[in-house]
C-alpha atoms as a PDB file:
ATOM      1  CA  MET A   1    -127.155-129.962 -62.174  1.00  0.00           C
ATOM      2  CA  GLY A   2    -124.899-133.124 -61.857  1.00  0.00           C
ATOM      3  CA  ARG A   3    -124.918-136.665 -63.536  1.00  0.00           C
ATOM      4  CA  GLU A   4    -127.927-137.612 -61.249  1.00  0.00           C
ATOM      5  CA  ASP A   5    -130.179-135.372 -63.558  1.00  0.00           C
ATOM      6  CA  TYR A   6    -129.370-137.600 -66.446  1.00  0.00           C
ATOM      7  CA  LEU A   7    -132.470-139.756 -67.791  1.00  0.00           C
ATOM      8  CA  PHE A   8    -132.617-143.366 -69.095  1.00  0.00           C
ATOM      9  CA  ALA A   9    -128.832-143.814 -67.836  1.00  0.00           C
ATOM     10  CA  GLU A  10    -128.634-145.841 -64.751  1.00  0.00           C
ATOM     11  CA  GLY A  11    -129.853-149.364 -65.566  1.00  0.00           C
ATOM     12  CA  ASP A  12    -130.875-151.749 -68.304  1.00  0.00           C
ATOM     13  CA  LEU A  13    -134.540-151.968 -69.121  1.00  0.00           C
ATOM     14  CA  ASP A  14    -134.321-155.293 -70.543  1.00  0.00           C
ATOM     15  CA  ALA A  15    -132.741-156.916 -67.616  1.00  0.00           C
ATOM     16  CA  THR A  16    -135.099-155.176 -65.302  1.00  0.00           C
ATOM     17  CA  LEU A  17    -137.960-156.591 -67.293  1.00  0.00           C
ATOM     18  CA  ARG A  18    -136.623-160.139 -67.017  1.00  0.00           C
ATOM     19  CA  ALA A  19    -135.988-159.918 -63.453  1.00  0.00           C
ATOM     20  CA  HIS A  20    -139.520-158.615 -62.813  1.00  0.00           C
ATOM     21  CA  GLN A  21    -140.805-161.612 -65.051  1.00  0.00           C
ATOM     22  CA  GLY A  22    -138.796-163.976 -62.658  1.00  0.00           C
ATOM     23  CA  THR A  23    -140.964-163.231 -59.647  1.00  0.00           C
ATOM     24  CA  ILE A  24    -144.124-164.773 -61.434  1.00  0.00           C
ATOM     25  CA  GLY A  25    -143.695-167.977 -59.625  1.00  0.00           C
ATOM     26  CA  ALA A  26    -142.920-166.620 -56.170  1.00  0.00           C
ATOM     27  CA  LYS A  27    -146.305-164.487 -56.431  1.00  0.00           C
ATOM     28  CA  ILE A  28    -148.203-167.658 -57.397  1.00  0.00           C
ATOM     29  CA  ASP A  29    -146.523-169.670 -54.748  1.00  0.00           C
ATOM     30  CA  ALA A  30    -147.354-167.001 -51.928  1.00  0.00           C
ATOM     31  CA  ILE A  31    -151.007-167.487 -52.367  1.00  0.00           C
ATOM     32  CA  PRO A  32    -152.140-169.829 -49.508  1.00  0.00           C
ATOM     33  CA  ARG A  33    -152.877-173.243 -50.576  1.00  0.00           C
ATOM     34  CA  ASP A  34    -156.433-173.355 -49.909  1.00  0.00           C
ATOM     35  CA  GLN A  35    -157.041-170.243 -51.243  1.00  0.00           C
ATOM     36  CA  PHE A  36    -155.292-171.251 -54.500  1.00  0.00           C
ATOM     37  CA  MET A  37    -157.101-174.143 -55.135  1.00  0.00           C
ATOM     38  CA  ASN A  38    -160.657-172.749 -54.289  1.00  0.00           C
ATOM     39  CA  ALA A  39    -160.127-169.777 -56.592  1.00  0.00           C
ATOM     40  CA  GLN A  40    -161.480-169.514 -60.096  1.00  0.00           C
ATOM     41  CA  HIS A  41    -158.401-170.268 -62.527  1.00  0.00           C
ATOM     42  CA  GLU A  42    -159.006-166.830 -64.428  1.00  0.00           C
ATOM     43  CA  GLU A  43    -158.977-164.843 -61.081  1.00  0.00           C
ATOM     44  CA  ILE A  44    -155.756-165.925 -60.070  1.00  0.00           C
ATOM     45  CA  ILE A  45    -154.345-165.188 -63.337  1.00  0.00           C
ATOM     46  CA  ASP A  46    -156.049-161.745 -63.620  1.00  0.00           C
ATOM     47  CA  HIS A  47    -155.008-160.782 -60.328  1.00  0.00           C
ATOM     48  CA  ILE A  48    -151.081-161.802 -61.050  1.00  0.00           C
ATOM     49  CA  LEU A  49    -151.415-159.915 -64.254  1.00  0.00           C
ATOM     50  CA  SER A  50    -152.581-156.666 -62.462  1.00  0.00           C
ATOM     51  CA  SER A  51    -149.661-156.848 -60.392  1.00  0.00           C
ATOM     52  CA  MET A  52    -147.157-157.654 -63.009  1.00  0.00           C
ATOM     53  CA  THR A  53    -148.195-155.292 -66.068  1.00  0.00           C
ATOM     54  CA  VAL A  54    -145.939-152.554 -66.372  1.00  0.00           C
ATOM     55  CA  GLU A  55    -147.420-148.980 -67.178  1.00  0.00           C
ATOM     56  CA  PRO A  56    -145.378-147.302 -69.622  1.00  0.00           C
ATOM     57  CA  LEU A  57    -144.471-143.554 -69.730  1.00  0.00           C
ATOM     58  CA  VAL A  58    -146.855-140.963 -71.147  1.00  0.00           C
ATOM     59  CA  ILE A  59    -145.584-137.109 -71.230  1.00  0.00           C
ATOM     60  CA  TYR A  60    -148.119-134.485 -71.847  1.00  0.00           C
ATOM     61  CA  GLU A  61    -146.209-131.480 -73.633  1.00  0.00           C
ATOM     62  CA  ASP A  62    -149.637-129.665 -74.079  1.00  0.00           C
ATOM     63  CA  ARG A  63    -149.662-129.241 -70.494  1.00  0.00           C
ATOM     64  CA  ALA A  64    -146.445-127.735 -69.823  1.00  0.00           C
ATOM     65  CA  GLU A  65    -145.853-125.192 -67.324  1.00  0.00           C
ATOM     66  CA  MET A  66    -142.844-122.332 -67.210  1.00  0.00           C
ATOM     67  CA  ASP A  67    -141.334-120.405 -64.191  1.00  0.00           C
ATOM     68  CA  GLN A  68    -138.995-117.547 -65.034  1.00  0.00           C
ATOM     69  CA  ARG A  69    -136.755-115.573 -62.478  1.00  0.00           C
ATOM     70  CA  GLU A  70    -133.721-113.492 -62.334  1.00  0.00           C
ATOM     71  CA  THR A  71    -130.225-115.075 -61.448  1.00  0.00           C
ATOM     72  CA  LYS A  72    -126.647-114.884 -61.316  1.00  0.00           C
ATOM     73  CA  ILE A  73    -124.332-116.816 -63.698  1.00  0.00           C
ATOM     74  CA  ASP A  74    -120.776-117.801 -63.348  1.00  0.00           C
ATOM     75  CA  VAL A  75    -119.423-117.483 -66.678  1.00  0.00           C
ATOM     76  CA  SER A  76    -115.718-118.321 -65.650  1.00  0.00           C
ATOM     77  CA  GLY A  77    -116.022-121.543 -67.578  1.00  0.00           C
ATOM     78  CA  TRP A  78    -117.239-119.812 -70.823  1.00  0.00           C
ATOM     79  CA  ARG A  79    -114.085-119.230 -73.216  1.00  0.00           C
ATOM     80  CA  ASP A  80    -115.747-116.403 -75.193  1.00  0.00           C
ATOM     81  CA  ARG A  81    -116.594-114.584 -71.931  1.00  0.00           C
ATOM     82  CA  ASN A  82    -113.526-115.570 -70.189  1.00  0.00           C
ATOM     83  CA  PRO A  83    -110.728-115.556 -72.616  1.00  0.00           C
ATOM     84  CA  PHE A  84    -107.723-115.342 -70.252  1.00  0.00           C
ATOM     85  CA  GLY A  85    -109.084-118.228 -68.158  1.00  0.00           C
ATOM     86  CA  ASP A  86    -109.323-116.382 -64.975  1.00  0.00           C
ATOM     87  CA  ARG A  87    -110.249-118.717 -62.002  1.00  0.00           C
ATOM     88  CA  GLY A  88    -113.393-116.802 -61.179  1.00  0.00           C
ATOM     89  CA  PRO A  89    -116.065-117.188 -60.342  1.00  0.00           C
ATOM     90  CA  ILE A  90    -117.205-114.337 -62.746  1.00  0.00           C
ATOM     91  CA  HIS A  91    -120.776-113.715 -62.173  1.00  0.00           C
ATOM     92  CA  VAL A  92    -122.983-112.051 -64.538  1.00  0.00           C
ATOM     93  CA  ALA A  93    -126.749-110.908 -64.688  1.00  0.00           C
ATOM     94  CA  GLY A  94    -129.085-113.817 -65.965  1.00  0.00           C
ATOM     95  CA  VAL A  95    -132.415-115.303 -66.652  1.00  0.00           C
ATOM     96  CA  ALA A  96    -133.346-118.837 -65.217  1.00  0.00           C
ATOM     97  CA  VAL A  97    -136.201-120.842 -66.631  1.00  0.00           C
ATOM     98  CA  SER A  98    -137.750-123.911 -65.346  1.00  0.00           C
ATOM     99  CA  VAL A  99    -140.215-125.828 -67.498  1.00  0.00           C
ATOM    100  CA  SER A 100    -142.505-128.238 -66.122  1.00  0.00           C
ATOM    101  CA  ILE A 101    -144.141-131.164 -68.042  1.00  0.00           C
ATOM    102  CA  PRO A 102    -146.760-133.730 -66.480  1.00  0.00           C
ATOM    103  CA  PHE A 103    -146.349-137.764 -66.962  1.00  0.00           C
ATOM    104  CA  THR A 104    -148.091-140.723 -66.112  1.00  0.00           C
ATOM    105  CA  GLY A 105    -146.569-144.239 -65.821  1.00  0.00           C
ATOM    106  CA  ASP A 106    -143.949-146.173 -63.795  1.00  0.00           C
ATOM    107  CA  SER A 107    -141.722-143.382 -62.495  1.00  0.00           C
ATOM    108  CA  SER A 108    -138.919-145.767 -61.870  1.00  0.00           C
ATOM    109  CA  LEU A 109    -138.631-146.009 -65.857  1.00  0.00           C
ATOM    110  CA  TRP A 110    -137.116-142.628 -66.061  1.00  0.00           C
ATOM    111  CA  LYS A 111    -133.853-144.393 -65.046  1.00  0.00           C
ATOM    112  CA  LEU A 112    -133.751-147.303 -67.314  1.00  0.00           C
ATOM    113  CA  ARG A 113    -132.184-147.532 -70.860  1.00  0.00           C
ATOM    114  CA  PRO A 114    -134.379-149.273 -73.515  1.00  0.00           C
ATOM    115  CA  ASN A 115    -132.853-151.517 -76.056  1.00  0.00           C
ATOM    116  CA  HIS A 116    -132.844-148.683 -78.549  1.00  0.00           C
ATOM    117  CA  TRP A 117    -130.994-145.749 -77.232  1.00  0.00           C
ATOM    118  CA  GLN A 118    -128.635-142.798 -78.271  1.00  0.00           C
ATOM    119  CA  SER A 119    -125.205-141.804 -77.480  1.00  0.00           C
ATOM    120  CA  VAL A 120    -126.797-138.494 -75.831  1.00  0.00           C
ATOM    121  CA  PHE A 121    -129.205-138.625 -72.802  1.00  0.00           C
ATOM    122  CA  PRO A 122    -131.583-135.999 -71.798  1.00  0.00           C
ATOM    123  CA  ARG A 123    -131.349-133.940 -68.369  1.00  0.00           C
ATOM    124  CA  ALA A 124    -134.419-133.409 -66.240  1.00  0.00           C
ATOM    125  CA  THR A 125    -135.516-133.527 -62.679  1.00  0.00           C
ATOM    126  CA  ILE A 126    -138.275-136.094 -61.837  1.00  0.00           C
ATOM    127  CA  VAL A 127    -140.764-135.111 -59.393  1.00  0.00           C
ATOM    128  CA  SER A 128    -143.229-137.953 -58.902  1.00  0.00           C
ATOM    129  CA  SER A 129    -146.601-138.092 -56.856  1.00  0.00           C
ATOM    130  CA  ARG A 130    -146.079-140.645 -53.956  1.00  0.00           C
ATOM    131  CA  GLY A 131    -148.349-143.906 -54.415  1.00  0.00           C
ATOM    132  CA  GLU A 132    -149.258-143.038 -57.699  1.00  0.00           C
ATOM    133  CA  ASN A 133    -147.905-143.515 -61.206  1.00  0.00           C
ATOM    134  CA  THR A 134    -147.835-139.692 -61.752  1.00  0.00           C
ATOM    135  CA  GLY A 135    -145.808-136.784 -61.505  1.00  0.00           C
ATOM    136  CA  HIS A 136    -143.728-134.122 -63.797  1.00  0.00           C
ATOM    137  CA  PHE A 137    -140.422-133.646 -65.087  1.00  0.00           C
ATOM    138  CA  GLN A 138    -138.682-130.324 -64.757  1.00  0.00           C
ATOM    139  CA  ILE A 139    -136.139-128.798 -67.208  1.00  0.00           C
ATOM    140  CA  ASP A 140    -133.976-126.103 -65.753  1.00  0.00           C
ATOM    141  CA  MET A 141    -132.141-123.599 -68.042  1.00  0.00           C
ATOM    142  CA  ALA A 142    -130.205-120.446 -67.442  1.00  0.00           C
ATOM    143  CA  GLN A 143    -128.246-117.962 -69.677  1.00  0.00           C
ATOM    144  CA  PRO A 144    -126.861-114.255 -69.417  1.00  0.00           C
ATOM    145  CA  THR A 145    -129.392-111.578 -70.024  1.00  0.00           C
ATOM    146  CA  ASP A 146    -127.583-110.440 -73.127  1.00  0.00           C
ATOM    147  CA  GLU A 147    -128.191-113.863 -74.906  1.00  0.00           C
ATOM    148  CA  ALA A 148    -131.014-114.067 -77.358  1.00  0.00           C
ATOM    149  CA  PRO A 149    -134.497-115.385 -75.572  1.00  0.00           C
ATOM    150  CA  GLU A 150    -134.907-117.629 -78.569  1.00  0.00           C
ATOM    151  CA  ARG A 151    -132.160-119.907 -77.432  1.00  0.00           C
ATOM    152  CA  PHE A 152    -134.252-121.018 -74.384  1.00  0.00           C
ATOM    153  CA  LYS A 153    -136.743-122.266 -76.975  1.00  0.00           C
ATOM    154  CA  ALA A 154    -134.053-124.159 -79.102  1.00  0.00           C
ATOM    155  CA  ARG A 155    -132.705-125.967 -75.829  1.00  0.00           C
ATOM    156  CA  LEU A 156    -136.154-126.767 -74.481  1.00  0.00           C
ATOM    157  CA  ASP A 157    -137.137-128.389 -78.042  1.00  0.00           C
ATOM    158  CA  GLU A 158    -133.946-130.619 -78.276  1.00  0.00           C
ATOM    159  CA  GLU A 159    -134.172-131.680 -74.711  1.00  0.00           C
ATOM    160  CA  VAL A 160    -137.808-132.613 -75.103  1.00  0.00           C
ATOM    161  CA  LYS A 161    -137.258-134.251 -78.690  1.00  0.00           C
ATOM    162  CA  THR A 162    -134.627-136.621 -76.927  1.00  0.00           C
ATOM    163  CA  ILE A 163    -137.046-137.572 -73.856  1.00  0.00           C
ATOM    164  CA  ARG A 164    -139.531-138.079 -76.600  1.00  0.00           C
ATOM    165  CA  PHE A 165    -137.431-140.596 -78.364  1.00  0.00           C
ATOM    166  CA  TYR A 166    -136.417-142.628 -75.203  1.00  0.00           C
ATOM    167  CA  VAL A 167    -140.105-142.892 -74.090  1.00  0.00           C
ATOM    168  CA  GLN A 168    -141.230-143.953 -77.592  1.00  0.00           C
ATOM    169  CA  ALA A 169    -138.616-146.840 -77.477  1.00  0.00           C
ATOM    170  CA  GLN A 170    -139.492-148.006 -73.836  1.00  0.00           C
ATOM    171  CA  LYS A 171    -143.273-148.264 -74.892  1.00  0.00           C
ATOM    172  CA  GLN A 172    -142.373-150.498 -77.774  1.00  0.00           C
ATOM    173  CA  GLN A 173    -140.282-152.942 -75.516  1.00  0.00           C
ATOM    174  CA  ILE A 174    -142.772-152.592 -72.545  1.00  0.00           C
ATOM    175  CA  GLU A 175    -145.770-153.452 -74.640  1.00  0.00           C
ATOM    176  CA  GLY A 176    -144.059-156.543 -76.082  1.00  0.00           C
ATOM    177  CA  PHE A 177    -143.470-157.546 -72.424  1.00  0.00           C
ATOM    178  CA  ASN A 178    -146.988-157.090 -71.197  1.00  0.00           C
ATOM    179  CA  VAL A 179    -148.394-158.974 -74.304  1.00  0.00           C
ATOM    180  CA  GLY A 180    -146.229-162.046 -73.362  1.00  0.00           C
ATOM    181  CA  LEU A 181    -147.220-161.974 -69.552  1.00  0.00           C
ATOM    182  CA  ARG A 182    -150.689-163.922 -69.777  1.00  0.00           C
ATOM    183  CA  ALA A 183    -149.081-166.981 -71.183  1.00  0.00           C
ATOM    184  CA  GLN A 184    -146.385-167.086 -68.676  1.00  0.00           C
ATOM    185  CA  VAL A 185    -148.730-166.695 -65.905  1.00  0.00           C
ATOM    186  CA  LEU A 186    -151.085-169.285 -67.243  1.00  0.00           C
ATOM    187  CA  ALA A 187    -148.245-171.964 -67.418  1.00  0.00           C
ATOM    188  CA  ALA A 188    -147.046-170.987 -63.864  1.00  0.00           C
ATOM    189  CA  VAL A 189    -150.509-171.295 -62.206  1.00  0.00           C
ATOM    190  CA  GLY A 190    -151.178-174.570 -64.147  1.00  0.00           C
ATOM    191  CA  ALA A 191    -147.791-175.812 -62.982  1.00  0.00           C
ATOM    192  CA  ARG A 192    -148.835-175.148 -59.330  1.00  0.00           C
ATOM    193  CA  ARG A 193    -152.089-176.874 -59.648  1.00  0.00           C
ATOM    194  CA  ASP A 194    -150.497-179.859 -61.193  1.00  0.00           C
ATOM    195  CA  ARG A 195    -147.932-180.033 -58.280  1.00  0.00           C
ATOM    196  CA  ILE A 196    -150.609-179.804 -55.649  1.00  0.00           C
ATOM    197  CA  LYS A 197    -152.766-182.243 -57.073  1.00  0.00           C
ATOM    198  CA  LYS A 198    -150.214-184.702 -57.375  1.00  0.00           C
ATOM    199  CA  HIS A 199    -149.893-185.056 -53.785  1.00  0.00           C
ATOM    200  CA  GLU A 200    -153.614-184.653 -52.560  1.00  0.00           C
ATOM    201  CA  GLY A 201    -153.739-188.313 -51.466  1.00  0.00           C
ATOM    202  CA  LEU A 202    -150.589-188.260 -49.749  1.00  0.00           C
ATOM    203  CA  GLN A 203    -152.403-188.142 -46.205  1.00  0.00           C
ATOM    204  CA  ASP A 204    -154.248-191.598 -47.223  1.00  0.00           C
ATOM    205  CA  ILE A 205    -150.998-193.251 -48.464  1.00  0.00           C
ATOM    206  CA  MET A 206    -149.017-192.126 -45.501  1.00  0.00           C
ATOM    207  CA  GLY A 207    -152.023-193.028 -42.939  1.00  0.00           C
ATOM    208  CA  ILE A 208    -151.439-190.120 -40.766  1.00  0.00           C
ATOM    209  CA  PRO A 209    -153.801-187.345 -40.071  1.00  0.00           C
ATOM    210  CA  LEU A 210    -153.099-183.908 -41.156  1.00  0.00           C
ATOM    211  CA  LYS A 211    -151.586-181.631 -38.061  1.00  0.00           C
ATOM    212  CA  ARG A 212    -154.549-179.211 -37.287  1.00  0.00           C
ATOM    213  CA  LYS A 213    -153.687-175.510 -37.518  1.00  0.00           C
ATOM    214  CA  GLU A 214    -152.789-173.306 -34.881  1.00  0.00           C
ATOM    215  CA  GLY A 215    -155.907-172.824 -32.588  1.00  0.00           C
ATOM    216  CA  GLY A 216    -157.353-175.749 -33.900  1.00  0.00           C
ATOM    217  CA  ALA A 217    -159.132-173.348 -36.531  1.00  0.00           C
ATOM    218  CA  GLY A 218    -158.476-175.524 -39.588  1.00  0.00           C
ATOM    219  CA  VAL A 219    -160.923-175.053 -42.535  1.00  0.00           C
ATOM    220  CA  ARG A 220    -163.512-173.653 -40.373  1.00  0.00           C
ATOM    221  CA  ALA A 221    -161.360-170.463 -39.644  1.00  0.00           C
ATOM    222  CA  ARG A 222    -161.052-169.733 -43.169  1.00  0.00           C
ATOM    223  CA  GLU A 223    -164.908-169.949 -43.711  1.00  0.00           C
ATOM    224  CA  ASP A 224    -165.104-167.499 -40.490  1.00  0.00           C
ATOM    225  CA  CYS A 225    -162.621-165.269 -42.205  1.00  0.00           C
ATOM    226  CA  GLN A 226    -165.001-165.302 -45.538  1.00  0.00           C
ATOM    227  CA  GLU A 227    -167.798-164.080 -43.616  1.00  0.00           C
ATOM    228  CA  ALA A 228    -165.873-161.519 -41.739  1.00  0.00           C
ATOM    229  CA  CYS A 229    -163.911-160.012 -44.544  1.00  0.00           C
ATOM    230  CA  PRO A 230    -165.668-158.240 -47.612  1.00  0.00           C
ATOM    231  CA  SER A 231    -164.099-158.500 -51.077  1.00  0.00           C
ATOM    232  CA  VAL A 232    -162.370-155.411 -52.550  1.00  0.00           C
ATOM    233  CA  ALA A 233    -162.032-155.041 -56.124  1.00  0.00           C
ATOM    234  CA  THR A 234    -158.929-152.704 -55.948  1.00  0.00           C
ATOM    235  CA  ALA A 235    -155.908-154.339 -57.629  1.00  0.00           C
ATOM    236  CA  PRO A 236    -152.408-153.279 -56.136  1.00  0.00           C
ATOM    237  CA  GLN A 237    -150.402-151.096 -58.521  1.00  0.00           C
ATOM    238  CA  VAL A 238    -147.171-152.238 -59.785  1.00  0.00           C
ATOM    239  CA  ARG A 239    -144.003-150.376 -59.670  1.00  0.00           C
ATOM    240  CA  ILE A 240    -140.958-152.211 -60.964  1.00  0.00           C
ATOM    241  CA  GLN A 241    -137.610-151.718 -59.292  1.00  0.00           C
ATOM    242  CA  THR A 242    -134.072-152.014 -60.389  1.00  0.00           C
ATOM    243  CA  GLY A 243    -132.692-154.343 -58.202  1.00  0.00           C
ATOM    244  CA  ALA A 244    -134.086-157.047 -56.123  1.00  0.00           C
ATOM    245  CA  TRP A 245    -137.660-157.840 -56.372  1.00  0.00           C
ATOM    246  CA  ASP A 246    -139.790-157.365 -53.037  1.00  0.00           C
ATOM    247  CA  TYR A 247    -143.169-159.126 -53.073  1.00  0.00           C
ATOM    248  CA  GLY A 248    -143.388-159.768 -49.496  1.00  0.00           C
ATOM    249  CA  ARG A 249    -145.684-156.632 -48.994  1.00  0.00           C
ATOM    250  CA  ARG A 250    -148.203-157.812 -51.588  1.00  0.00           C
ATOM    251  CA  LEU A 251    -150.300-160.770 -50.245  1.00  0.00           C
ATOM    252  CA  PHE A 252    -153.676-162.034 -51.472  1.00  0.00           C
ATOM    253  CA  ALA A 253    -156.686-160.980 -49.806  1.00  0.00           C
ATOM    254  CA  HIS A 254    -159.035-163.897 -48.794  1.00  0.00           C
ATOM    255  CA  LEU A 255    -161.322-165.358 -51.479  1.00  0.00           C
ATOM    256  CA  VAL A 256    -164.886-165.051 -50.727  1.00  0.00           C
ATOM    257  CA  SER A 257    -166.451-168.294 -51.979  1.00  0.00           C
ATOM    258  CA  ASP A 258    -170.041-167.460 -51.817  1.00  0.00           C
ATOM    259  CA  SER A 259    -171.254-167.904 -55.295  1.00  0.00           C
ATOM    260  CA  ALA A 260    -173.448-164.739 -55.228  1.00  0.00           C
ATOM    261  CA  ARG A 261    -170.508-162.496 -54.524  1.00  0.00           C
ATOM    262  CA  ARG A 262    -167.483-162.138 -56.730  1.00  0.00           C
ATOM    263  CA  SER A 263    -164.001-163.327 -55.531  1.00  0.00           C
ATOM    264  CA  ASP A 264    -161.547-160.680 -55.002  1.00  0.00           C
ATOM    265  CA  PHE A 265    -157.954-159.952 -53.458  1.00  0.00           C
ATOM    266  CA  ARG A 266    -156.714-157.413 -51.286  1.00  0.00           C
ATOM    267  CA  ASP A 267    -153.113-156.940 -49.431  1.00  0.00           C
ATOM    268  CA  ASN A 268    -152.881-158.302 -45.973  1.00  0.00           C
ATOM    269  CA  SER A 269    -156.307-159.674 -45.764  1.00  0.00           C
ATOM    270  CA  GLU A 270    -155.374-162.576 -43.347  1.00  0.00           C
ATOM    271  CA  ASP A 271    -154.176-160.273 -40.696  1.00  0.00           C
ATOM    272  CA  LEU A 272    -157.402-158.460 -41.266  1.00  0.00           C
ATOM    273  CA  CYS A 273    -159.439-161.568 -40.843  1.00  0.00           C
ATOM    274  CA  ARG A 274    -157.918-162.559 -37.702  1.00  0.00           C
ATOM    275  CA  SER A 275    -157.945-159.115 -36.096  1.00  0.00           C
ATOM    276  CA  ARG A 276    -161.590-159.201 -36.736  1.00  0.00           C
ATOM    277  CA  ARG A 277    -162.299-162.630 -35.289  1.00  0.00           C
ATOM    278  CA  ARG A 278    -160.439-161.709 -31.962  1.00  0.00           C
ATOM    279  CA  THR A 279    -162.813-158.832 -31.556  1.00  0.00           C
ATOM    280  CA  ALA A 280    -165.975-160.652 -32.520  1.00  0.00           C
END
C-alpha cells in the first residue's frame, strides 16, 4: 500500500466545515422567491438543516470480518532477513490477512484531519456504499509464515486504536459544528425575508407592471404545479466535499400550500412540474 491509504491525512476538517457553513446563504437564495415567502419559517430552516448537518463516522468493531490466504512476501528490505543488502527480490512463503470493519457516516471524513491529531496516521482502504453513508474499512497485513501469529493481532489492535482516536476527535468537532447550525440558518433566512419585504412595494413606486413569466403563466402556473406535484418528505443526504461546494444539483421541491397537507421539498421538482403540465 502507498500513501494513498493513509487516513485523516489529506485535508483539514476545520477548514472544510467552515467552507460548508459558508454555503448556507447560497442554499437559501436558491429557493424561488414565491416558494420562499409562502413557506413556513420552520419548514425552510428544517430543510436547510437537513442538507447541512454532517453525519460523523461510527465504526462497528464487533461486526469485523477476516479473510486469510497464502502469499509470497519480498523480504529484501528486511535487514534481519537480508543482512548483506542484496537487491532482491527475495520471496518467502507468507500469510496475508485482511480485516474488514463496517462504518456509518460521511465517507469523505476519512480524508480529513481533526483539530486534535497525532503524528501517526492509520492506514486502511475505504470502501463506501454508493449513495449511502455506509461502508467498511479494510486493514491488510502480511508476514512470513515463520513469524508468530500473535503479531497480526497486535498490529490490528494498534491500527484500530489509532482509527478510534481520530474518529472520536472528529465526532467532538462535528457535534459542535452541528449544534451551531440552527442559529446561523435562522439568521440567514430572516435576512433574506427582510431583503424581500424591503422591496415589496417597488412595483407601485415605479408605476410599472411586473413582466409576466414565460408562457404567461405567472402565479397560476405555480398553483397548477402545486396540484400536479405531490409532496415528498424525503430529505437529501449531505456529503461534505474537500474542495468547492456544489449545491446546484440540490433544488427545493415545490411547496404544497394546501393547509390540509404538509409542505415538503424535493430535488428538481420544478422540472417535474413543468413536465407534468406538458403531458396533462
